N, C-alpha and C. Protein backbone atom coordinates (compact mmCIF):
# COMPACT_ATOMS: atom_id res chain seq x y z
N MET A 1 6.12 -13.74 13.65
CA MET A 1 5.57 -13.28 14.52
C MET A 1 6.01 -11.57 14.70
N SER A 2 5.46 -11.07 15.10
CA SER A 2 5.30 -9.35 15.00
C SER A 2 6.20 -9.89 16.27
N THR A 3 7.35 -8.75 16.04
CA THR A 3 8.42 -8.31 17.22
C THR A 3 8.48 -7.22 18.10
N PRO A 4 8.60 -7.08 18.89
CA PRO A 4 8.49 -5.40 19.32
C PRO A 4 8.99 -5.05 19.11
N GLU A 5 9.62 -4.76 18.01
CA GLU A 5 10.57 -3.39 17.41
C GLU A 5 9.03 -3.66 15.96
N ILE A 6 8.68 -3.96 15.33
CA ILE A 6 7.63 -3.72 14.51
C ILE A 6 6.48 -3.69 15.01
N PRO A 7 5.81 -3.39 14.37
CA PRO A 7 4.01 -2.72 15.39
C PRO A 7 3.35 -3.40 14.72
N LEU A 8 2.41 -3.82 14.62
CA LEU A 8 1.16 -4.91 14.62
C LEU A 8 0.17 -4.36 14.55
N PHE A 9 -0.46 -4.29 13.45
CA PHE A 9 -2.33 -3.45 13.35
C PHE A 9 -3.23 -4.72 13.33
N VAL A 10 -3.95 -4.72 13.72
CA VAL A 10 -5.14 -5.65 13.87
C VAL A 10 -6.80 -4.72 13.39
N ASP A 11 -6.49 -4.82 12.26
CA ASP A 11 -8.14 -4.25 11.83
C ASP A 11 -9.37 -5.01 12.09
N THR A 12 -10.11 -3.70 12.84
CA THR A 12 -11.29 -3.75 13.18
C THR A 12 -12.77 -3.96 11.95
N GLY A 13 -13.72 -3.88 12.61
CA GLY A 13 -14.52 -3.29 11.55
C GLY A 13 -15.02 -4.32 10.62
N MET A 14 -15.35 -3.90 9.61
CA MET A 14 -15.88 -4.45 7.96
C MET A 14 -14.03 -5.21 7.93
N ASN A 15 -13.10 -4.59 7.79
CA ASN A 15 -11.90 -6.02 7.99
C ASN A 15 -11.30 -6.69 8.98
N ALA A 16 -12.20 -6.79 9.68
CA ALA A 16 -11.94 -7.76 10.52
C ALA A 16 -11.47 -8.69 11.00
N VAL A 17 -10.43 -9.70 11.03
CA VAL A 17 -9.81 -11.20 11.29
C VAL A 17 -11.47 -11.64 11.42
N ARG A 18 -11.50 -13.07 10.66
CA ARG A 18 -12.31 -14.19 10.49
C ARG A 18 -11.64 -15.00 11.65
N THR A 19 -12.80 -15.33 12.60
CA THR A 19 -12.27 -16.06 13.21
C THR A 19 -12.21 -17.81 13.06
N ASP A 20 -13.00 -17.41 11.73
CA ASP A 20 -13.56 -19.46 11.12
C ASP A 20 -12.56 -19.17 10.70
N LEU A 21 -10.95 -18.54 9.65
CA LEU A 21 -10.71 -18.90 9.58
C LEU A 21 -8.62 -19.21 8.94
N PRO A 22 -8.02 -19.07 9.14
CA PRO A 22 -6.21 -18.82 8.94
C PRO A 22 -5.81 -17.82 8.79
N PHE A 23 -5.21 -17.95 9.10
CA PHE A 23 -3.97 -16.97 8.76
C PHE A 23 -3.34 -17.15 7.48
N VAL A 24 -3.22 -16.22 6.33
CA VAL A 24 -2.06 -16.44 5.38
C VAL A 24 -0.97 -15.62 5.63
N GLU A 25 0.17 -15.91 5.58
CA GLU A 25 1.39 -14.73 5.71
C GLU A 25 1.84 -15.00 4.30
N ARG A 26 2.43 -13.70 4.79
CA ARG A 26 3.04 -13.19 2.98
C ARG A 26 3.55 -11.70 3.64
N ASP A 27 4.87 -11.96 2.39
CA ASP A 27 5.62 -10.85 2.64
C ASP A 27 4.94 -9.31 1.61
N ALA A 28 5.25 -8.53 2.09
CA ALA A 28 4.59 -7.44 1.31
C ALA A 28 4.91 -5.72 1.77
N ILE A 29 4.73 -4.94 0.72
CA ILE A 29 5.34 -3.89 0.53
C ILE A 29 3.95 -3.24 0.60
N THR A 30 4.14 -1.80 1.27
CA THR A 30 3.74 -0.36 1.10
C THR A 30 4.70 0.51 0.59
N ALA A 31 3.76 1.39 -0.54
CA ALA A 31 4.72 2.20 -1.37
C ALA A 31 4.12 3.76 -0.75
N ILE A 32 4.85 4.85 -0.50
CA ILE A 32 4.11 5.72 -0.28
C ILE A 32 5.04 6.95 -2.02
N VAL A 33 3.55 7.13 -2.94
CA VAL A 33 4.20 7.61 -3.88
C VAL A 33 4.02 9.38 -3.76
N ARG A 34 5.49 10.74 -3.90
CA ARG A 34 4.51 11.89 -3.70
C ARG A 34 5.34 12.57 -4.87
N ASP A 35 4.53 13.18 -5.77
CA ASP A 35 4.71 14.14 -6.68
C ASP A 35 5.13 15.77 -5.85
N PRO A 36 6.91 15.24 -5.87
CA PRO A 36 7.91 16.84 -5.93
C PRO A 36 7.07 17.73 -6.02
N GLN A 37 6.41 18.38 -7.70
CA GLN A 37 5.94 19.44 -8.87
C GLN A 37 4.95 19.50 -8.02
N THR A 38 3.43 18.72 -6.95
CA THR A 38 2.67 19.42 -6.74
C THR A 38 2.45 19.35 -4.80
N ASP A 39 3.17 18.47 -4.91
CA ASP A 39 3.36 18.20 -2.73
C ASP A 39 2.01 17.92 -2.85
N LYS A 40 2.01 16.25 -3.70
CA LYS A 40 1.01 15.12 -3.43
C LYS A 40 0.73 14.04 -3.35
N TYR A 41 -0.30 13.80 -2.71
CA TYR A 41 0.76 11.68 -2.42
C TYR A 41 0.02 10.93 -3.32
N LEU A 42 -0.08 9.83 -3.52
CA LEU A 42 -1.11 9.11 -4.59
C LEU A 42 -1.18 8.18 -4.23
N GLY A 43 -3.13 8.16 -4.07
CA GLY A 43 -3.79 6.73 -3.09
C GLY A 43 -4.61 6.16 -4.07
N LEU A 44 -5.00 5.25 -3.34
CA LEU A 44 -5.66 3.93 -4.47
C LEU A 44 -7.34 4.12 -3.45
N LYS A 45 -8.59 4.32 -4.64
CA LYS A 45 -9.48 4.30 -4.07
C LYS A 45 -10.26 3.22 -4.76
N TRP A 46 -10.44 2.72 -3.79
CA TRP A 46 -10.66 0.88 -4.48
C TRP A 46 -12.52 0.55 -4.62
N LYS A 47 -13.01 0.20 -5.41
CA LYS A 47 -14.15 0.75 -6.09
C LYS A 47 -14.76 -0.89 -5.83
N GLN A 48 -14.33 -2.29 -5.36
CA GLN A 48 -15.00 -3.36 -5.64
C GLN A 48 -15.10 -3.62 -4.06
N VAL A 49 -14.42 -2.80 -3.12
CA VAL A 49 -14.41 -2.75 -1.00
C VAL A 49 -14.10 -1.37 -0.79
N ASP A 50 -14.56 -0.78 0.64
CA ASP A 50 -14.67 -0.01 0.91
C ASP A 50 -13.32 -0.06 1.37
N TRP A 51 -12.27 0.32 0.72
CA TRP A 51 -10.91 0.15 1.50
C TRP A 51 -10.32 2.10 0.16
N ASP A 52 -9.29 2.69 1.15
CA ASP A 52 -8.50 3.82 0.69
C ASP A 52 -7.16 3.01 0.91
N THR A 53 -6.47 3.05 0.12
CA THR A 53 -4.87 2.82 0.61
C THR A 53 -3.93 3.73 -0.67
N PHE A 54 -2.72 3.26 0.05
CA PHE A 54 -1.69 4.22 -0.52
C PHE A 54 -1.16 2.24 -1.36
N ILE A 55 0.20 2.28 -2.39
CA ILE A 55 0.19 1.42 -3.10
C ILE A 55 0.63 -0.02 -2.53
N THR A 56 -0.15 -0.93 -2.27
CA THR A 56 0.62 -2.42 -1.29
C THR A 56 0.85 -3.17 -3.02
N GLY A 57 1.09 -4.61 -1.97
CA GLY A 57 1.41 -5.82 -2.72
C GLY A 57 1.86 -6.64 -1.92
N GLY A 58 2.09 -8.09 -3.02
CA GLY A 58 2.90 -9.35 -2.33
C GLY A 58 4.31 -8.81 -2.85
N ILE A 59 5.21 -9.63 -2.03
CA ILE A 59 6.56 -9.63 -2.37
C ILE A 59 6.79 -10.85 -2.71
N GLU A 60 6.67 -10.96 -4.57
CA GLU A 60 6.95 -12.13 -4.78
C GLU A 60 9.14 -12.61 -5.08
N GLU A 61 8.17 -14.78 -5.64
CA GLU A 61 10.38 -15.06 -4.78
C GLU A 61 10.95 -14.36 -6.31
N GLY A 62 12.10 -14.53 -5.54
CA GLY A 62 13.05 -13.64 -6.39
C GLY A 62 12.75 -11.93 -6.12
N GLN A 63 12.35 -11.41 -5.68
CA GLN A 63 12.17 -10.26 -5.57
C GLN A 63 12.38 -9.07 -4.55
N THR A 64 13.66 -8.48 -4.76
CA THR A 64 13.69 -7.56 -3.70
C THR A 64 12.67 -6.85 -3.28
N PRO A 65 12.49 -5.73 -1.71
CA PRO A 65 11.00 -5.08 -1.24
C PRO A 65 11.17 -4.28 -2.39
N GLU A 66 12.23 -3.59 -2.96
CA GLU A 66 11.83 -2.50 -3.63
C GLU A 66 12.06 -2.76 -5.18
N GLU A 67 12.33 -4.15 -5.64
CA GLU A 67 11.44 -4.44 -7.09
C GLU A 67 10.09 -4.40 -6.88
N ALA A 68 9.65 -4.84 -5.79
CA ALA A 68 8.49 -5.48 -5.59
C ALA A 68 7.43 -4.41 -5.45
N ALA A 69 8.06 -3.33 -4.98
CA ALA A 69 7.55 -1.86 -4.39
C ALA A 69 7.36 -1.20 -5.98
N ARG A 70 8.07 -1.46 -6.85
CA ARG A 70 8.41 -0.98 -8.03
C ARG A 70 7.64 -1.46 -8.99
N THR A 71 7.11 -2.80 -8.69
CA THR A 71 6.65 -3.48 -9.42
C THR A 71 4.82 -2.84 -9.46
N GLU A 72 4.79 -3.18 -8.09
CA GLU A 72 3.03 -2.26 -7.27
C GLU A 72 2.95 -1.10 -8.30
N ILE A 73 3.50 0.10 -8.17
CA ILE A 73 3.60 1.01 -8.39
C ILE A 73 3.25 1.11 -9.86
N LEU A 74 3.65 0.44 -10.77
CA LEU A 74 3.66 0.66 -12.19
C LEU A 74 2.76 -0.16 -11.66
N GLU A 75 2.13 -1.84 -11.99
CA GLU A 75 0.59 -2.21 -12.69
C GLU A 75 -0.12 -1.47 -11.91
N GLU A 76 -0.04 -1.03 -10.81
CA GLU A 76 -1.26 -0.62 -10.53
C GLU A 76 -2.12 1.27 -10.90
N THR A 77 -0.86 2.00 -11.07
CA THR A 77 -0.94 3.45 -11.72
C THR A 77 -1.03 3.38 -12.73
N GLY A 78 0.53 3.45 -13.41
CA GLY A 78 1.15 3.11 -14.47
C GLY A 78 2.67 4.05 -13.99
N TYR A 79 2.58 4.86 -13.20
CA TYR A 79 4.41 5.80 -13.26
C TYR A 79 5.32 4.35 -13.55
N LYS A 80 5.78 4.91 -13.80
CA LYS A 80 7.31 3.98 -13.83
C LYS A 80 8.32 4.87 -13.95
N ASN A 81 8.53 6.06 -13.64
CA ASN A 81 9.98 6.61 -13.54
C ASN A 81 10.00 7.32 -11.92
N LEU A 82 10.63 6.59 -10.76
CA LEU A 82 10.97 6.76 -9.65
C LEU A 82 12.16 6.71 -8.82
N ARG A 83 12.08 7.80 -8.50
CA ARG A 83 13.39 8.07 -7.28
C ARG A 83 13.18 7.18 -5.61
N LEU A 84 13.71 6.77 -5.21
CA LEU A 84 13.68 6.08 -4.04
C LEU A 84 14.31 6.75 -3.08
N VAL A 85 13.09 7.52 -2.24
CA VAL A 85 13.59 8.42 -0.97
C VAL A 85 14.32 7.70 -0.33
N LYS A 86 13.57 7.12 0.80
CA LYS A 86 14.08 6.69 1.50
C LYS A 86 12.69 4.89 1.59
N GLU A 87 13.32 4.55 2.80
CA GLU A 87 12.91 3.59 3.15
C GLU A 87 12.56 3.67 4.68
N LEU A 88 10.93 3.43 4.56
CA LEU A 88 10.18 3.30 5.76
C LEU A 88 10.03 2.21 7.24
N PRO A 89 9.78 2.79 8.19
CA PRO A 89 9.61 1.70 9.38
C PRO A 89 8.45 0.86 8.79
N ARG A 90 8.73 -0.35 8.95
CA ARG A 90 8.65 -2.10 8.54
C ARG A 90 7.37 -1.97 9.88
N TYR A 91 5.93 -2.73 9.20
CA TYR A 91 4.61 -2.54 10.36
C TYR A 91 4.91 -4.09 9.84
N ASP A 92 4.00 -5.08 10.68
CA ASP A 92 3.09 -5.94 10.64
C ASP A 92 1.43 -5.71 10.27
N SER A 93 -0.02 -5.95 9.52
CA SER A 93 -0.65 -5.82 9.88
C SER A 93 -1.67 -7.70 9.47
N GLN A 94 -3.07 -7.75 10.75
CA GLN A 94 -4.00 -8.90 10.44
C GLN A 94 -5.04 -7.67 10.35
N PHE A 95 -5.79 -8.49 8.90
CA PHE A 95 -6.50 -8.29 8.38
C PHE A 95 -7.43 -9.13 7.62
N PHE A 96 -8.28 -9.28 7.57
CA PHE A 96 -9.23 -9.91 6.18
C PHE A 96 -9.67 -9.06 4.65
N HIS A 97 -8.59 -9.71 3.83
CA HIS A 97 -8.38 -9.40 2.94
C HIS A 97 -9.59 -9.74 2.12
N HIS A 98 -10.52 -8.68 1.49
CA HIS A 98 -11.34 -9.52 0.82
C HIS A 98 -11.54 -9.49 -0.45
N PRO A 99 -10.66 -8.53 -1.17
CA PRO A 99 -10.49 -9.34 -2.41
C PRO A 99 -10.46 -10.78 -2.77
N LYS A 100 -9.28 -11.51 -1.93
CA LYS A 100 -8.61 -12.62 -1.59
C LYS A 100 -9.26 -13.80 -1.10
N GLY A 101 -10.57 -12.72 0.16
CA GLY A 101 -11.09 -13.66 0.58
C GLY A 101 -10.24 -14.54 2.02
N VAL A 102 -9.42 -13.79 2.54
CA VAL A 102 -8.34 -14.93 3.65
C VAL A 102 -8.03 -13.80 4.35
N ASN A 103 -7.99 -14.53 5.59
CA ASN A 103 -7.40 -13.85 7.20
C ASN A 103 -5.62 -13.45 6.69
N ARG A 104 -5.11 -12.19 6.06
CA ARG A 104 -4.25 -11.70 5.80
C ARG A 104 -2.88 -11.37 7.14
N TYR A 105 -2.38 -11.78 7.51
CA TYR A 105 -1.24 -11.29 7.94
C TYR A 105 0.21 -11.45 7.58
N ALA A 106 0.29 -10.02 7.05
CA ALA A 106 1.04 -9.16 6.17
C ALA A 106 2.56 -8.14 7.06
N HIS A 107 3.82 -9.07 6.68
CA HIS A 107 4.52 -8.42 7.29
C HIS A 107 5.21 -7.10 6.53
N PHE A 108 5.41 -6.07 6.69
CA PHE A 108 5.01 -4.89 5.49
C PHE A 108 6.83 -4.78 5.17
N ARG A 109 7.88 -4.16 4.09
CA ARG A 109 8.24 -3.43 3.61
C ARG A 109 8.23 -1.86 3.61
N CYS A 110 8.15 -0.82 3.67
CA CYS A 110 7.19 0.38 3.18
C CYS A 110 8.44 1.41 2.88
N PHE A 111 7.79 1.66 1.62
CA PHE A 111 9.07 3.03 1.55
C PHE A 111 8.12 4.20 0.49
N LEU A 112 9.22 4.98 0.43
CA LEU A 112 8.76 6.46 0.15
C LEU A 112 9.15 6.72 -1.20
N PHE A 113 8.93 7.00 -2.51
CA PHE A 113 9.37 7.08 -3.55
C PHE A 113 9.08 8.57 -3.98
N GLU A 114 9.31 9.66 -4.90
CA GLU A 114 8.83 10.48 -5.55
C GLU A 114 9.06 9.91 -7.28
N LEU A 115 7.73 11.00 -7.61
CA LEU A 115 7.94 11.06 -9.16
C LEU A 115 9.12 11.84 -9.77
N VAL A 116 10.44 10.94 -10.38
CA VAL A 116 10.74 11.67 -11.77
C VAL A 116 10.39 12.58 -12.81
N ASP A 117 9.14 12.09 -13.09
CA ASP A 117 8.61 12.86 -14.13
C ASP A 117 6.98 11.70 -14.21
N THR A 118 6.02 12.66 -14.24
CA THR A 118 4.72 12.04 -15.16
C THR A 118 4.62 10.76 -15.83
N GLU A 119 4.81 10.46 -16.58
CA GLU A 119 5.44 9.30 -18.06
C GLU A 119 4.39 8.23 -17.23
N GLN A 120 3.86 7.98 -17.93
CA GLN A 120 2.73 6.91 -16.92
C GLN A 120 2.68 5.96 -18.69
N GLU A 121 2.41 4.09 -17.77
CA GLU A 121 1.99 3.26 -18.66
C GLU A 121 0.48 2.99 -18.59
N GLU A 122 -0.30 2.43 -19.50
CA GLU A 122 -1.54 2.58 -19.75
C GLU A 122 -1.81 1.22 -18.70
N THR A 123 -2.57 1.18 -17.63
CA THR A 123 -3.25 0.13 -16.30
C THR A 123 -3.68 -0.69 -17.60
N SER A 124 -3.86 -2.47 -16.73
CA SER A 124 -4.47 -3.11 -17.49
C SER A 124 -5.92 -2.91 -17.13
N ALA A 125 -7.05 -3.32 -17.76
CA ALA A 125 -8.15 -3.32 -17.04
C ALA A 125 -8.67 -3.73 -16.39
N ASP A 126 -8.25 -5.00 -15.87
CA ASP A 126 -8.02 -5.53 -13.88
C ASP A 126 -7.69 -4.55 -13.18
N GLU A 127 -6.70 -4.23 -12.85
CA GLU A 127 -6.37 -2.78 -12.13
C GLU A 127 -7.41 -2.09 -12.26
N LYS A 128 -7.34 -0.94 -13.69
CA LYS A 128 -9.22 -0.34 -13.85
C LYS A 128 -10.74 -0.76 -13.33
N GLU A 129 -10.71 -2.03 -12.73
CA GLU A 129 -11.83 -2.48 -12.57
C GLU A 129 -11.95 -2.59 -10.69
N LYS A 130 -10.48 -2.71 -10.53
CA LYS A 130 -9.93 -2.63 -8.75
C LYS A 130 -10.32 -1.39 -8.37
N HIS A 131 -9.84 -0.03 -9.02
CA HIS A 131 -9.13 1.08 -8.07
C HIS A 131 -8.49 2.31 -9.00
N ASP A 132 -9.16 3.53 -8.51
CA ASP A 132 -8.72 4.96 -9.00
C ASP A 132 -7.50 5.29 -8.39
N PRO A 133 -6.58 5.69 -8.91
CA PRO A 133 -5.49 6.31 -8.53
C PRO A 133 -6.08 8.01 -8.05
N VAL A 134 -5.30 8.66 -7.05
CA VAL A 134 -5.97 9.56 -6.43
C VAL A 134 -5.14 10.49 -6.13
N TRP A 135 -5.05 11.74 -5.97
CA TRP A 135 -3.46 12.61 -5.81
C TRP A 135 -4.12 13.28 -4.73
N MET A 136 -3.33 13.13 -3.36
CA MET A 136 -3.88 14.51 -2.02
C MET A 136 -2.98 14.93 -1.57
N THR A 137 -3.94 16.54 -1.63
CA THR A 137 -2.35 16.84 -0.54
C THR A 137 -2.01 16.44 1.15
N ARG A 138 -1.14 16.35 1.56
CA ARG A 138 -1.25 16.20 3.17
C ARG A 138 -2.55 16.13 3.63
N GLU A 139 -3.09 17.63 4.00
CA GLU A 139 -4.48 18.13 4.27
C GLU A 139 -5.18 17.06 3.90
N GLU A 140 -5.57 16.52 2.79
CA GLU A 140 -7.10 15.84 1.51
C GLU A 140 -6.62 14.43 2.07
N LEU A 141 -5.37 14.15 2.53
CA LEU A 141 -5.12 12.68 2.82
C LEU A 141 -5.69 12.04 4.36
N GLU A 142 -5.90 13.18 5.25
CA GLU A 142 -7.16 13.74 6.57
C GLU A 142 -7.68 13.01 6.48
N SER A 143 -8.44 12.95 5.68
CA SER A 143 -10.19 12.66 5.41
C SER A 143 -10.07 10.95 4.85
N PHE A 144 -8.62 10.55 4.08
CA PHE A 144 -8.43 9.71 3.31
C PHE A 144 -8.60 8.24 4.11
N ARG A 145 -9.32 7.31 3.92
CA ARG A 145 -9.83 6.49 4.52
C ARG A 145 -8.19 5.40 5.19
N LEU A 146 -7.33 6.15 5.30
CA LEU A 146 -5.91 4.93 5.31
C LEU A 146 -5.94 4.22 5.82
N PRO A 147 -5.49 2.45 5.75
CA PRO A 147 -5.92 1.75 7.24
C PRO A 147 -4.31 2.55 8.52
N GLU A 148 -4.71 2.14 9.92
CA GLU A 148 -3.70 2.32 10.22
C GLU A 148 -2.30 2.28 9.99
N GLY A 149 -1.57 1.67 9.69
CA GLY A 149 -0.53 0.76 9.27
C GLY A 149 0.25 1.78 7.90
N HIS A 150 -0.98 2.55 7.56
CA HIS A 150 -0.57 3.61 6.73
C HIS A 150 -0.24 5.08 7.35
N ARG A 151 -1.16 5.03 8.18
CA ARG A 151 -1.00 6.12 8.91
C ARG A 151 -0.03 6.37 9.43
N PHE A 152 0.53 5.34 10.21
CA PHE A 152 1.33 5.63 11.39
C PHE A 152 2.71 5.92 10.29
N LEU A 153 2.91 5.45 8.89
CA LEU A 153 3.97 5.74 7.60
C LEU A 153 4.02 7.57 8.27
N MET A 154 2.63 7.91 7.57
CA MET A 154 3.01 9.42 7.24
C MET A 154 3.69 9.86 8.29
N GLN A 155 3.65 9.39 9.58
CA GLN A 155 5.01 10.15 10.24
C GLN A 155 6.19 10.59 10.42
N TYR A 156 6.64 9.84 9.07
CA TYR A 156 7.75 9.52 8.46
C TYR A 156 8.51 9.92 7.11
N VAL A 157 7.34 10.82 6.46
CA VAL A 157 7.77 10.88 5.64
C VAL A 157 7.80 12.49 5.21
């Protein structure tokens, strides 16, 4: 359950929780990546669902939240040389996860990273089918359709 210190965001509209399905709880990460050379932020424009997000993903057994964040950034965007700037506040979120077909109750650990350099590995064909990485200024992020929890984090960046 969400505690009073950890805000809970409940999606509405297309991503609203389905009342006919139970929740699947998951410890997860949200990672915001900034390029200090351009002062731009990395987002994902999803192809198969109507989502715009920062980097997100589950924390696997045996991983620390920071390791999970670094793994997700590498898998989803190919960027590998990152400096952790700070851990951001936690939040919880309830939503219907379209790609997985489940109601998700996610407990997010959140991080701000900066690129050390722009060296990238090639991302998998599966990741390329899911989303495109997009670099945006803070102003451009205003029109990027971020989930409420992701917007909450921007006030701490």
